C-alpha atoms as a PDB file:
ATOM      1  CA  MET A   1     -25.332 -40.121 -21.809  1.00  0.00           C
ATOM      2  CA  ASP A   2     -25.299 -36.184 -22.000  1.00  0.00           C
ATOM      3  CA  PHE A   3     -22.689 -34.373 -20.387  1.00  0.00           C
ATOM      4  CA  ILE A   4     -22.588 -30.928 -19.222  1.00  0.00           C
ATOM      5  CA  PRO A   5     -21.204 -28.576 -22.072  1.00  0.00           C
ATOM      6  CA  PHE A   6     -17.829 -26.998 -21.113  1.00  0.00           C
ATOM      7  CA  THR A   7     -16.119 -24.453 -23.474  1.00  0.00           C
ATOM      8  CA  PHE A   8     -12.784 -22.560 -23.003  1.00  0.00           C
ATOM      9  CA  ILE A   9     -14.746 -19.620 -22.096  1.00  0.00           C
ATOM     10  CA  ASP A  10     -15.810 -21.643 -18.603  1.00  0.00           C
ATOM     11  CA  LEU A  11     -12.134 -22.561 -18.260  1.00  0.00           C
ATOM     12  CA  ILE A  12     -11.134 -18.978 -18.099  1.00  0.00           C
ATOM     13  CA  ASP A  13     -13.932 -18.538 -15.856  1.00  0.00           C
ATOM     14  CA  ILE A  14     -13.133 -21.182 -13.144  1.00  0.00           C
ATOM     15  CA  VAL A  15      -9.550 -19.631 -13.452  1.00  0.00           C
ATOM     16  CA  LEU A  16     -10.265 -16.328 -12.780  1.00  0.00           C
ATOM     17  CA  VAL A  17     -12.802 -17.093  -9.852  1.00  0.00           C
ATOM     18  CA  ALA A  18      -9.915 -19.456  -8.739  1.00  0.00           C
ATOM     19  CA  ALA A  19      -7.351 -16.561  -8.892  1.00  0.00           C
ATOM     20  CA  ILE A  20      -9.963 -14.047  -7.503  1.00  0.00           C
ATOM     21  CA  MET A  21     -10.234 -16.566  -4.390  1.00  0.00           C
ATOM     22  CA  TYR A  22      -6.694 -17.018  -3.968  1.00  0.00           C
ATOM     23  CA  SER A  23      -5.856 -13.557  -3.908  1.00  0.00           C
ATOM     24  CA  ILE A  24      -8.875 -12.951  -1.192  1.00  0.00           C
ATOM     25  CA  TYR A  25      -7.164 -15.884   0.906  1.00  0.00           C
ATOM     26  CA  ARG A  26      -3.627 -14.227   0.744  1.00  0.00           C
ATOM     27  CA  MET A  27      -4.844 -10.828   1.881  1.00  0.00           C
ATOM     28  CA  THR A  28      -7.176 -12.199   4.768  1.00  0.00           C
ATOM     29  CA  ARG A  29      -4.601 -14.891   5.825  1.00  0.00           C
ATOM     30  CA  GLY A  30      -3.752 -14.238   9.650  1.00  0.00           C
ATOM     31  CA  THR A  31      -7.326 -12.349  10.519  1.00  0.00           C
ATOM     32  CA  ASN A  32     -10.747 -13.592  11.265  1.00  0.00           C
ATOM     33  CA  ALA A  33     -11.917 -12.720   7.764  1.00  0.00           C
ATOM     34  CA  PRO A  34     -11.702 -16.280   6.369  1.00  0.00           C
ATOM     35  CA  TYR A  35     -13.613 -18.081   9.034  1.00  0.00           C
ATOM     36  CA  ILE A  36     -16.179 -14.630   8.384  1.00  0.00           C
ATOM     37  CA  PHE A  37     -16.038 -15.835   4.674  1.00  0.00           C
ATOM     38  CA  SER A  38     -16.175 -19.503   5.022  1.00  0.00           C
ATOM     39  CA  GLY A  39     -19.439 -18.823   7.168  1.00  0.00           C
ATOM     40  CA  ILE A  40     -21.028 -16.680   4.324  1.00  0.00           C
ATOM     41  CA  ILE A  41     -20.470 -19.471   1.610  1.00  0.00           C
ATOM     42  CA  ALA A  42     -22.199 -22.176   4.124  1.00  0.00           C
ATOM     43  CA  ILE A  43     -24.957 -19.763   4.093  1.00  0.00           C
ATOM     44  CA  TYR A  44     -25.264 -19.653   0.424  1.00  0.00           C
ATOM     45  CA  LEU A  45     -24.736 -23.716  -0.196  1.00  0.00           C
ATOM     46  CA  LEU A  46     -27.677 -24.081   2.525  1.00  0.00           C
ATOM     47  CA  TRP A  47     -30.000 -21.491   0.633  1.00  0.00           C
ATOM     48  CA  VAL A  48     -29.279 -23.366  -2.856  1.00  0.00           C
ATOM     49  CA  VAL A  49     -30.000 -26.772  -0.958  1.00  0.00           C
ATOM     50  CA  VAL A  50     -33.438 -25.543   0.456  1.00  0.00           C
ATOM     51  CA  ARG A  51     -34.450 -23.705  -2.993  1.00  0.00           C
ATOM     52  CA  ALA A  52     -33.665 -27.191  -4.505  1.00  0.00           C
ATOM     53  CA  LEU A  53     -36.078 -29.129  -1.774  1.00  0.00           C
ATOM     54  CA  ASN A  54     -38.800 -26.208  -2.268  1.00  0.00           C
ATOM     55  CA  MET A  55     -38.852 -25.224   1.283  1.00  0.00           C
ATOM     56  CA  GLU A  56     -40.606 -21.779   0.763  1.00  0.00           C
ATOM     57  CA  LEU A  57     -40.362 -20.474   4.416  1.00  0.00           C
ATOM     58  CA  LEU A  58     -36.888 -20.903   5.007  1.00  0.00           C
ATOM     59  CA  SER A  59     -35.900 -20.316   1.373  1.00  0.00           C
ATOM     60  CA  SER A  60     -37.724 -16.753   1.649  1.00  0.00           C
ATOM     61  CA  MET A  61     -35.771 -16.051   5.348  1.00  0.00           C
ATOM     62  CA  LEU A  62     -32.394 -17.101   3.899  1.00  0.00           C
ATOM     63  CA  GLY A  63     -33.130 -15.098   0.739  1.00  0.00           C
ATOM     64  CA  GLN A  64     -33.375 -12.113   2.789  1.00  0.00           C
ATOM     65  CA  VAL A  65     -29.989 -12.604   4.143  1.00  0.00           C
ATOM     66  CA  ILE A  66     -28.468 -13.542   0.749  1.00  0.00           C
ATOM     67  CA  SER A  67     -30.185 -10.391  -0.727  1.00  0.00           C
ATOM     68  CA  VAL A  68     -28.293  -8.026   1.737  1.00  0.00           C
ATOM     69  CA  GLY A  69     -25.015 -10.434   1.262  1.00  0.00           C
ATOM     70  CA  VAL A  70     -23.254  -7.569  -0.827  1.00  0.00           C
ATOM     71  CA  ILE A  71     -23.691  -4.799   1.955  1.00  0.00           C
ATOM     72  CA  ALA A  72     -22.529  -7.038   4.775  1.00  0.00           C
ATOM     73  CA  LEU A  73     -19.173  -8.081   2.896  1.00  0.00           C
ATOM     74  CA  ILE A  74     -18.639  -4.456   2.331  1.00  0.00           C
ATOM     75  CA  VAL A  75     -18.774  -3.796   6.112  1.00  0.00           C
ATOM     76  CA  LEU A  76     -17.152  -6.715   7.057  1.00  0.00           C
ATOM     77  CA  PHE A  77     -14.150  -7.001   4.984  1.00  0.00           C
ATOM     78  CA  GLN A  78     -14.072  -2.992   4.633  1.00  0.00           C
ATOM     79  CA  PRO A  79      -9.774  -3.014   5.563  1.00  0.00           C
ATOM     80  CA  GLU A  80      -9.276  -5.829   3.310  1.00  0.00           C
ATOM     81  CA  LEU A  81     -11.139  -4.498   0.364  1.00  0.00           C
ATOM     82  CA  ARG A  82      -9.435  -0.974   0.895  1.00  0.00           C
ATOM     83  CA  ARG A  83      -6.024  -2.890   0.763  1.00  0.00           C
ATOM     84  CA  PHE A  84      -7.173  -4.608  -2.521  1.00  0.00           C
ATOM     85  CA  LEU A  85      -8.548  -1.619  -4.144  1.00  0.00           C
ATOM     86  CA  GLN A  86      -4.677  -0.063  -3.151  1.00  0.00           C
ATOM     87  CA  LEU A  87      -2.980  -3.034  -4.562  1.00  0.00           C
ATOM     88  CA  ILE A  88      -4.750  -2.837  -7.692  1.00  0.00           C
ATOM     89  CA  GLY A  89      -4.365   1.049  -8.235  1.00  0.00           C
ATOM     90  CA  LEU A  90      -0.511   0.681  -7.149  1.00  0.00           C
ATOM     91  CA  ARG A  91      -0.366  -1.770 -10.298  1.00  0.00           C
ATOM     92  CA  GLN A  92      -1.901   0.514 -12.741  1.00  0.00           C
ATOM     93  CA  LYS A  93       1.310   2.389 -13.707  1.00  0.00           C
ATOM     94  CA  HIS A  94      -0.076   2.997 -17.038  1.00  0.00           C
ATOM     95  CA  PHE A  95      -2.888   5.211 -15.968  1.00  0.00           C
ATOM     96  CA  ASN A  96      -0.700   7.504 -13.785  1.00  0.00           C
ATOM     97  CA  PHE A  97      -1.114  10.329 -16.530  1.00  0.00           C
ATOM     98  CA  ILE A  98      -4.777  10.705 -14.749  1.00  0.00           C
ATOM     99  CA  SER A  99      -2.846  12.069 -11.731  1.00  0.00           C
ATOM    100  CA  ARG A 100      -0.702  14.163 -13.629  1.00  0.00           C
ATOM    101  CA  ILE A 101      -3.588  15.857 -15.230  1.00  0.00           C
ATOM    102  CA  PHE A 102      -5.270  16.399 -12.219  1.00  0.00           C
ATOM    103  CA  SER A 103      -1.956  17.561 -10.460  1.00  0.00           C
ATOM    104  CA  MET A 104      -1.419  20.430 -12.960  1.00  0.00           C
ATOM    105  CA  GLY A 105      -0.582  23.630 -11.454  1.00  0.00           C
ATOM    106  CA  GLU A 106       0.941  21.917  -8.271  1.00  0.00           C
ATOM    107  CA  GLU A 107       4.655  22.899  -7.074  1.00  0.00           C
ATOM    108  CA  GLU A 108       7.030  20.131  -7.842  1.00  0.00           C
ATOM    109  CA  GLN A 109       7.968  18.041  -4.788  1.00  0.00           C
ATOM    110  CA  ALA A 110      11.491  19.142  -3.892  1.00  0.00           C
ATOM    111  CA  ASP A 111      14.482  16.709  -4.145  1.00  0.00           C
ATOM    112  CA  VAL A 112      14.978  14.618  -0.606  1.00  0.00           C
ATOM    113  CA  ASN A 113      17.784  15.754   1.564  1.00  0.00           C
ATOM    114  CA  VAL A 114      19.253  12.482   2.388  1.00  0.00           C
ATOM    115  CA  GLU A 115      22.110  13.361   4.639  1.00  0.00           C
ATOM    116  CA  PRO A 116      20.467  14.419   7.719  1.00  0.00           C
ATOM    117  CA  ILE A 117      18.015  11.335   7.259  1.00  0.00           C
ATOM    118  CA  VAL A 118      21.149   9.125   7.454  1.00  0.00           C
ATOM    119  CA  ILE A 119      23.148  10.851  10.383  1.00  0.00           C
ATOM    120  CA  ALA A 120      20.118  11.062  12.454  1.00  0.00           C
ATOM    121  CA  CYS A 121      19.412   7.307  12.021  1.00  0.00           C
ATOM    122  CA  ARG A 122      23.375   6.422  12.448  1.00  0.00           C
ATOM    123  CA  ASP A 123      22.777   8.662  16.151  1.00  0.00           C
ATOM    124  CA  MET A 124      19.727   7.037  16.769  1.00  0.00           C
ATOM    125  CA  ALA A 125      21.139   3.362  16.058  1.00  0.00           C
ATOM    126  CA  GLU A 126      24.102   4.220  18.230  1.00  0.00           C
ATOM    127  CA  THR A 127      21.873   4.801  21.451  1.00  0.00           C
ATOM    128  CA  LYS A 128      18.974   2.370  20.191  1.00  0.00           C
ATOM    129  CA  THR A 129      16.174   4.579  19.573  1.00  0.00           C
ATOM    130  CA  GLY A 130      13.455   3.085  17.644  1.00  0.00           C
ATOM    131  CA  ALA A 131      12.476   5.356  14.809  1.00  0.00           C
ATOM    132  CA  LEU A 132      10.176   4.807  11.737  1.00  0.00           C
ATOM    133  CA  ILE A 133      10.764   7.238   8.770  1.00  0.00           C
ATOM    134  CA  VAL A 134       8.665   7.188   5.446  1.00  0.00           C
ATOM    135  CA  ILE A 135       9.746   9.202   2.151  1.00  0.00           C
ATOM    136  CA  ARG A 136       7.050   9.667  -0.029  1.00  0.00           C
ATOM    137  CA  GLN A 137       7.741   9.311  -3.603  1.00  0.00           C
ATOM    138  CA  GLU A 138       4.503   9.220  -6.065  1.00  0.00           C
ATOM    139  CA  SER A 139       1.905   7.572  -4.159  1.00  0.00           C
ATOM    140  CA  ASP A 140      -0.735   9.635  -2.066  1.00  0.00           C
ATOM    141  CA  LEU A 141      -0.170   9.489   1.305  1.00  0.00           C
ATOM    142  CA  ARG A 142      -2.584  12.113   2.634  1.00  0.00           C
ATOM    143  CA  LEU A 143      -4.127   9.643   4.647  1.00  0.00           C
ATOM    144  CA  ILE A 144      -1.567   8.758   6.235  1.00  0.00           C
ATOM    145  CA  ALA A 145      -0.278  12.209   7.304  1.00  0.00           C
ATOM    146  CA  GLU A 146      -4.133  13.202   8.118  1.00  0.00           C
ATOM    147  CA  GLY A 147      -3.654  10.513  10.779  1.00  0.00           C
ATOM    148  CA  GLY A 148      -0.672  11.858  12.170  1.00  0.00           C
ATOM    149  CA  ILE A 149       0.370  15.216  13.642  1.00  0.00           C
ATOM    150  CA  ALA A 150       1.008  18.056  11.021  1.00  0.00           C
ATOM    151  CA  ILE A 151       4.839  19.547  11.397  1.00  0.00           C
ATOM    152  CA  ASP A 152       5.662  21.153   7.876  1.00  0.00           C
ATOM    153  CA  ALA A 153       9.384  21.839   9.152  1.00  0.00           C
ATOM    154  CA  LYS A 154      12.602  21.272   6.958  1.00  0.00           C
ATOM    155  CA  ILE A 155      14.426  17.950   7.580  1.00  0.00           C
ATOM    156  CA  SER A 156      17.227  18.283  10.231  1.00  0.00           C
ATOM    157  CA  VAL A 157      19.124  15.735  12.429  1.00  0.00           C
ATOM    158  CA  SER A 158      17.727  17.483  15.461  1.00  0.00           C
ATOM    159  CA  LEU A 159      14.448  17.790  14.708  1.00  0.00           C
ATOM    160  CA  LEU A 160      14.146  13.724  13.640  1.00  0.00           C
ATOM    161  CA  LYS A 161      16.239  13.195  16.884  1.00  0.00           C
ATOM    162  CA  ASN A 162      13.839  15.103  19.063  1.00  0.00           C
ATOM    163  CA  ILE A 163      10.922  13.510  17.366  1.00  0.00           C
ATOM    164  CA  PHE A 164      11.819  10.224  18.053  1.00  0.00           C
ATOM    165  CA  PHE A 165      13.162  10.730  21.599  1.00  0.00           C
ATOM    166  CA  LYS A 166      11.696   8.164  23.955  1.00  0.00           C
ATOM    167  CA  ASN A 167      10.297  10.691  26.301  1.00  0.00           C
ATOM    168  CA  ALA A 168       8.704  12.826  23.375  1.00  0.00           C
ATOM    169  CA  PRO A 169       5.060  12.968  22.994  1.00  0.00           C
ATOM    170  CA  LEU A 170       5.276  12.173  18.950  1.00  0.00           C
ATOM    171  CA  HIS A 171       7.905   9.181  19.221  1.00  0.00           C
ATOM    172  CA  ASP A 172       5.201   6.804  18.794  1.00  0.00           C
ATOM    173  CA  GLY A 173       4.639   6.067  15.413  1.00  0.00           C
ATOM    174  CA  ALA A 174       6.150   7.089  12.147  1.00  0.00           C
ATOM    175  CA  VAL A 175       7.696  10.671  10.548  1.00  0.00           C
ATOM    176  CA  LEU A 176       6.412  11.450   7.037  1.00  0.00           C
ATOM    177  CA  ILE A 177       8.866  13.154   4.851  1.00  0.00           C
ATOM    178  CA  GLU A 178       7.788  15.052   1.439  1.00  0.00           C
ATOM    179  CA  GLY A 179      10.867  15.971  -0.611  1.00  0.00           C
ATOM    180  CA  ASP A 180      12.635  18.302   1.976  1.00  0.00           C
ATOM    181  CA  ARG A 181      10.138  18.333   4.475  1.00  0.00           C
ATOM    182  CA  ILE A 182       9.062  16.432   7.250  1.00  0.00           C
ATOM    183  CA  VAL A 183       5.042  17.117   7.267  1.00  0.00           C
ATOM    184  CA  ALA A 184       3.695  14.913   9.728  1.00  0.00           C
ATOM    185  CA  ALA A 185       4.577  12.658  12.802  1.00  0.00           C
ATOM    186  CA  LYS A 186       3.078  10.004  14.613  1.00  0.00           C
ATOM    187  CA  CYS A 187       1.455   8.805  11.547  1.00  0.00           C
ATOM    188  CA  ILE A 188       0.063   4.993  11.679  1.00  0.00           C
ATOM    189  CA  LEU A 189       1.087   2.469   9.304  1.00  0.00           C
ATOM    190  CA  PRO A 190      -0.974  -0.626   7.860  1.00  0.00           C
ATOM    191  CA  VAL A 191       0.928  -3.299   9.147  1.00  0.00           C
ATOM    192  CA  THR A 192       1.540  -5.850   6.719  1.00  0.00           C
ATOM    193  CA  GLN A 193      -0.597  -9.373   6.434  1.00  0.00           C
ATOM    194  CA  SER A 194       2.153 -11.322   4.795  1.00  0.00           C
ATOM    195  CA  GLU A 195       4.189 -14.092   6.440  1.00  0.00           C
ATOM    196  CA  VAL A 196       7.619 -12.435   7.841  1.00  0.00           C
ATOM    197  CA  PRO A 197       9.959 -13.718  10.520  1.00  0.00           C
ATOM    198  CA  LYS A 198       8.816 -13.710  13.913  1.00  0.00           C
ATOM    199  CA  ASP A 199      11.373 -11.713  15.268  1.00  0.00           C
ATOM    200  CA  TYR A 200      10.125  -8.818  13.084  1.00  0.00           C
ATOM    201  CA  GLY A 201       8.837  -5.894  15.342  1.00  0.00           C
ATOM    202  CA  THR A 202       5.836  -3.662  15.002  1.00  0.00           C
ATOM    203  CA  ARG A 203       8.042  -1.051  13.295  1.00  0.00           C
ATOM    204  CA  HIS A 204       9.611  -3.474  10.708  1.00  0.00           C
ATOM    205  CA  ARG A 205       6.059  -4.974   9.807  1.00  0.00           C
ATOM    206  CA  ALA A 206       4.470  -1.452   9.360  1.00  0.00           C
ATOM    207  CA  ALA A 207       7.314  -0.292   7.095  1.00  0.00           C
ATOM    208  CA  ILE A 208       6.662  -3.575   5.289  1.00  0.00           C
ATOM    209  CA  GLY A 209       2.939  -2.908   4.697  1.00  0.00           C
ATOM    210  CA  LEU A 210       3.485   0.642   3.790  1.00  0.00           C
ATOM    211  CA  SER A 211       5.715  -0.505   1.224  1.00  0.00           C
ATOM    212  CA  GLU A 212       3.513  -3.235  -0.223  1.00  0.00           C
ATOM    213  CA  ILE A 213       0.882  -0.808  -1.178  1.00  0.00           C
ATOM    214  CA  SER A 214       2.930   2.156  -1.961  1.00  0.00           C
ATOM    215  CA  ASP A 215       6.119   3.305  -3.817  1.00  0.00           C
ATOM    216  CA  ALA A 216       7.444   5.015  -0.350  1.00  0.00           C
ATOM    217  CA  ILE A 217      10.748   4.238   1.000  1.00  0.00           C
ATOM    218  CA  VAL A 218      10.727   3.348   4.808  1.00  0.00           C
ATOM    219  CA  ILE A 219      13.325   3.625   7.178  1.00  0.00           C
ATOM    220  CA  VAL A 220      13.389   1.849  10.509  1.00  0.00           C
ATOM    221  CA  VAL A 221      15.784   2.389  13.582  1.00  0.00           C
ATOM    222  CA  SER A 222      15.700  -1.119  15.906  1.00  0.00           C
ATOM    223  CA  GLU A 223      14.857  -0.100  19.593  1.00  0.00           C
ATOM    224  CA  GLU A 224      16.039  -3.384  20.448  1.00  0.00           C
ATOM    225  CA  THR A 225      19.347  -4.140  18.758  1.00  0.00           C
ATOM    226  CA  GLY A 226      19.799  -0.621  17.400  1.00  0.00           C
ATOM    227  CA  GLY A 227      19.871  -1.912  13.602  1.00  0.00           C
ATOM    228  CA  ILE A 228      18.958  -0.197  10.694  1.00  0.00           C
ATOM    229  CA  SER A 229      16.519  -1.310   7.922  1.00  0.00           C
ATOM    230  CA  ILE A 230      15.160   0.165   4.927  1.00  0.00           C
ATOM    231  CA  THR A 231      12.242  -1.424   2.694  1.00  0.00           C
ATOM    232  CA  HIS A 232      11.084  -0.648  -0.431  1.00  0.00           C
ATOM    233  CA  GLY A 233       8.717  -2.667  -2.801  1.00  0.00           C
ATOM    234  CA  GLY A 234       7.999  -4.982  -0.130  1.00  0.00           C
ATOM    235  CA  GLU A 235      11.739  -5.639   0.245  1.00  0.00           C
ATOM    236  CA  LEU A 236      13.309  -5.337   3.500  1.00  0.00           C
ATOM    237  CA  ARG A 237      17.084  -4.795   3.866  1.00  0.00           C
ATOM    238  CA  ARG A 238      18.060  -5.475   7.592  1.00  0.00           C
ATOM    239  CA  ASP A 239      20.994  -4.327   9.629  1.00  0.00           C
ATOM    240  CA  ILE A 240      22.944  -2.048   7.215  1.00  0.00           C
ATOM    241  CA  ASP A 241      25.245   0.613   8.390  1.00  0.00           C
ATOM    242  CA  PRO A 242      24.824   4.080   7.664  1.00  0.00           C
ATOM    243  CA  ALA A 243      27.131   4.235   4.569  1.00  0.00           C
ATOM    244  CA  ARG A 244      25.104   1.142   3.351  1.00  0.00           C
ATOM    245  CA  LEU A 245      22.164   3.098   4.038  1.00  0.00           C
ATOM    246  CA  GLN A 246      22.943   6.263   2.161  1.00  0.00           C
ATOM    247  CA  GLN A 247      23.963   4.279  -0.963  1.00  0.00           C
ATOM    248  CA  THR A 248      20.954   2.198  -0.870  1.00  0.00           C
ATOM    249  CA  LEU A 249      18.243   5.389   0.002  1.00  0.00           C
ATOM    250  CA  GLN A 250      20.051   7.253  -3.331  1.00  0.00           C
ATOM    251  CA  ARG A 251      19.772   4.540  -5.518  1.00  0.00           C
ATOM    252  CA  TYR A 252      16.203   3.828  -4.440  1.00  0.00           C
ATOM    253  CA  LEU A 253      15.495   7.772  -5.144  1.00  0.00           C
ATOM    254  CA  LEU A 254      17.743   7.600  -8.568  1.00  0.00           C
ATOM    255  CA  HIS A 255      15.564   4.715 -10.055  1.00  0.00           C
ATOM    256  CA  ASN A 256      12.379   6.206  -8.940  1.00  0.00           C
ATOM    257  CA  GLU A 257      13.105   9.291 -10.985  1.00  0.00           C
ATOM    258  CA  ASN A 258      14.478   7.782 -13.667  1.00  0.00           C
ATOM    259  CA  ARG A 259      11.356   5.519 -13.916  1.00  0.00           C
ATOM    260  CA  ARG A 260       9.115   8.719 -13.623  1.00  0.00           C
ATOM    261  CA  ALA A 261      10.908  10.430 -16.434  1.00  0.00           C
ATOM    262  CA  LYS A 262      10.947   7.747 -18.706  1.00  0.00           C
ATOM    263  CA  ARG A 263       6.868   6.996 -17.932  1.00  0.00           C
ATOM    264  CA  ARG A 264       6.536  10.963 -18.406  1.00  0.00           C
ATOM    265  CA  ALA A 265       7.988  10.775 -21.734  1.00  0.00           C
ATOM    266  CA  VAL A 266       5.951   8.110 -22.978  1.00  0.00           C
ATOM    267  CA  GLU A 267       2.793   9.720 -21.519  1.00  0.00           C
ATOM    268  CA  ASP A 268       3.929  13.028 -23.182  1.00  0.00           C
ATOM    269  CA  ARG A 269       4.456  11.183 -26.792  1.00  0.00           C
ATOM    270  CA  GLY A 270       1.123   9.663 -26.270  1.00  0.00           C
ATOM    271  CA  LEU A 271      -0.564  12.814 -25.555  1.00  0.00           C
ATOM    272  CA  ARG A 272       0.943  14.740 -28.278  1.00  0.00           C
ATOM    273  CA  ARG A 273       0.203  11.880 -30.709  1.00  0.00           C
ATOM    274  CA  LEU A 274      -3.848  11.873 -29.739  1.00  0.00           C
ATOM    275  CA  TRP A 275      -3.536  15.837 -29.802  1.00  0.00           C
ATOM    276  CA  LYS A 276      -2.486  15.905 -33.496  1.00  0.00           C
ATOM    277  CA  GLN A 277      -4.829  13.148 -34.554  1.00  0.00           C
ATOM    278  CA  THR A 278      -7.664  14.921 -32.903  1.00  0.00           C
ATOM    279  CA  PHE A 279      -6.899  18.017 -34.913  1.00  0.00           C
ATOM    280  CA  GLN A 280      -5.766  16.395 -38.051  1.00  0.00           C
ATOM    281  CA  LYS A 281      -9.306  14.636 -37.954  1.00  0.00           C
ATOM    282  CA  GLN A 282     -10.930  18.194 -37.533  1.00  0.00           C
ATOM    283  CA  ASP A 283      -9.333  19.697 -40.111  1.00  0.00           C
ATOM    284  CA  GLU A 284     -10.244  17.071 -42.575  1.00  0.00           C
END
């Protein structure tokens, strides 16, 4: 009895497909996307059966549906595909030199002034004023900024407290900070699709969601409890005091700065080596 040939490449193929399917499931869990995806798979399996039974008319009709399936998938799963591509782009740290090439000539981002942020969070925590503050690092958050209201003002305690004052028109959403300036307010952040405790509010879910797809540091002040939380890299630290907030914030900023410096040194050495090899070959 002949068996279907099975090679090591087939094993790799199966593992890769399983990994992709699991990743899609993780990203779409908690939404209606898995049900839509199941429906598409059911139609495809029906098409395979119809073709095997040589049912020409039904096979032709289903074939037309399958032929536009890619476009349908892009339309139906646009948010999930965007999130997936953001996750892939965020993980490709080795290709950040491309961004550096295109960003040559741009002004360097100023250092973040931590003190007014910490003081404002302390004061808002005492009055149980809800707040959501995003501190940009390297990830491009222009889409987040464009979705909010442009401000472009120097960071100050008074400005942050006024923005998040309960009756202020800009208190809903997040404030985006780049360097020593507040660039936008009332920004909408992507909410995490991961499983989180049920007592997490919308601000905490949004903070985790943005930190999962970017290297931004996000600070949350709870409107219900007045607790201060900080999240980075998808990890949320809850109910920390102002002194601890300042220490954690400075540690995150220092860690990111050291990581950028090391990566730039490696990239510069690689570019110098490539430049040297290129001109040596031309001289020969």
